[in-house]
Amino acid sequence: MIKNRETYEIIDPKDVGADDSQIILTARSGRAALRYCAQKLNFELTREKLDVAYDRFLSIADQHNHISNQQLVSLLESI
């Protein structure tokens, strides 16, 4: 049910000119969202690295409205 996009996306992003749907990382984002965005940026995280990255991510996310891809790359490269 959750894997079916039609459950939660009422319109296909391509219908409005977007390449694909995006996940915006905020302080409320979880580990799964962080891992997904890291994979989209070609970073594979082990469980241990994900835990470290998530702790650092929360510190940054508490200071900003959202985390940009550039900030995420910098964070992931530092691990």
Protein backbone atom coordinates (compact mmCIF):
# COMPACT_ATOMS: atom_id res chain seq x y z
CA MET A 1 0.00 0.00 0.00
CA ILE A 2 2.69 2.53 0.98
CA LYS A 3 4.91 1.55 -1.97
CA ASN A 4 2.09 2.51 -4.34
CA ARG A 5 2.59 6.23 -5.04
CA GLU A 6 -1.04 6.68 -6.01
CA THR A 7 -1.89 6.16 -2.33
CA TYR A 8 -0.32 9.47 -1.29
CA GLU A 9 0.46 11.40 -4.51
CA ILE A 10 -2.74 12.70 -6.03
CA ILE A 11 -0.91 14.02 -9.08
CA ASP A 12 2.13 12.77 -10.95
CA PRO A 13 5.00 15.28 -10.57
CA LYS A 14 5.70 14.97 -14.30
CA ASP A 15 2.21 16.30 -15.03
CA VAL A 16 3.21 19.67 -13.55
CA GLY A 17 6.71 19.83 -15.03
CA ALA A 18 8.78 18.30 -12.22
CA ASP A 19 11.24 15.52 -12.98
CA ASP A 20 10.25 13.47 -9.98
CA SER A 21 8.93 13.90 -6.45
CA GLN A 22 11.38 15.29 -3.91
CA ILE A 23 11.95 14.69 -0.26
CA ILE A 24 12.68 17.86 1.71
CA LEU A 25 14.89 17.09 4.69
CA THR A 26 13.92 18.91 7.87
CA ALA A 27 14.47 18.33 11.59
CA ARG A 28 11.39 16.10 11.51
CA SER A 29 12.82 13.78 8.83
CA GLY A 30 13.73 10.30 9.90
CA ARG A 31 16.60 7.94 9.17
CA ALA A 32 14.82 6.40 6.17
CA ALA A 33 14.50 9.80 4.49
CA LEU A 34 18.16 10.57 5.20
CA ARG A 35 19.25 7.20 3.80
CA TYR A 36 17.07 7.67 0.70
CA CYS A 37 18.50 11.13 -0.01
CA ALA A 38 22.04 9.86 0.59
CA GLN A 39 21.48 7.07 -1.92
CA LYS A 40 20.16 9.59 -4.47
CA LEU A 41 23.49 11.41 -4.02
CA ASN A 42 25.43 8.13 -4.49
CA PHE A 43 26.34 7.58 -0.83
CA GLU A 44 25.85 4.14 0.66
CA LEU A 45 25.59 4.24 4.44
CA THR A 46 26.15 1.34 6.79
CA ARG A 47 23.98 1.20 9.90
CA GLU A 48 26.81 2.71 11.97
CA LYS A 49 27.49 5.52 9.49
CA LEU A 50 23.76 6.23 9.23
CA ASP A 51 23.56 6.64 13.01
CA VAL A 52 26.50 9.09 13.00
CA ALA A 53 25.14 10.95 9.98
CA TYR A 54 21.68 11.19 11.53
CA ASP A 55 23.01 12.71 14.77
CA ARG A 56 24.97 15.31 12.80
CA PHE A 57 22.01 15.86 10.49
CA LEU A 58 19.73 16.66 13.43
CA SER A 59 22.22 19.22 14.75
CA ILE A 60 22.25 20.99 11.40
CA ALA A 61 18.51 20.62 10.80
CA ASP A 62 17.71 22.23 14.15
CA GLN A 63 19.45 25.39 12.92
CA HIS A 64 17.91 25.52 9.41
CA ASN A 65 14.44 25.17 7.90
CA HIS A 66 15.64 22.43 5.59
CA ILE A 67 18.88 20.78 4.53
CA SER A 68 20.08 21.39 0.98
CA ASN A 69 21.80 18.74 -1.13
CA GLN A 70 25.05 20.70 -0.81
CA GLN A 71 24.82 20.64 2.99
CA LEU A 72 23.97 16.94 2.91
CA VAL A 73 26.95 16.14 0.67
CA SER A 74 29.27 18.05 3.01
CA LEU A 75 27.87 16.18 6.00
CA LEU A 76 28.18 12.78 4.31
CA GLU A 77 31.72 13.44 3.08
CA SER A 78 32.81 14.24 6.63
CA ILE A 79 31.85 10.79 7.90
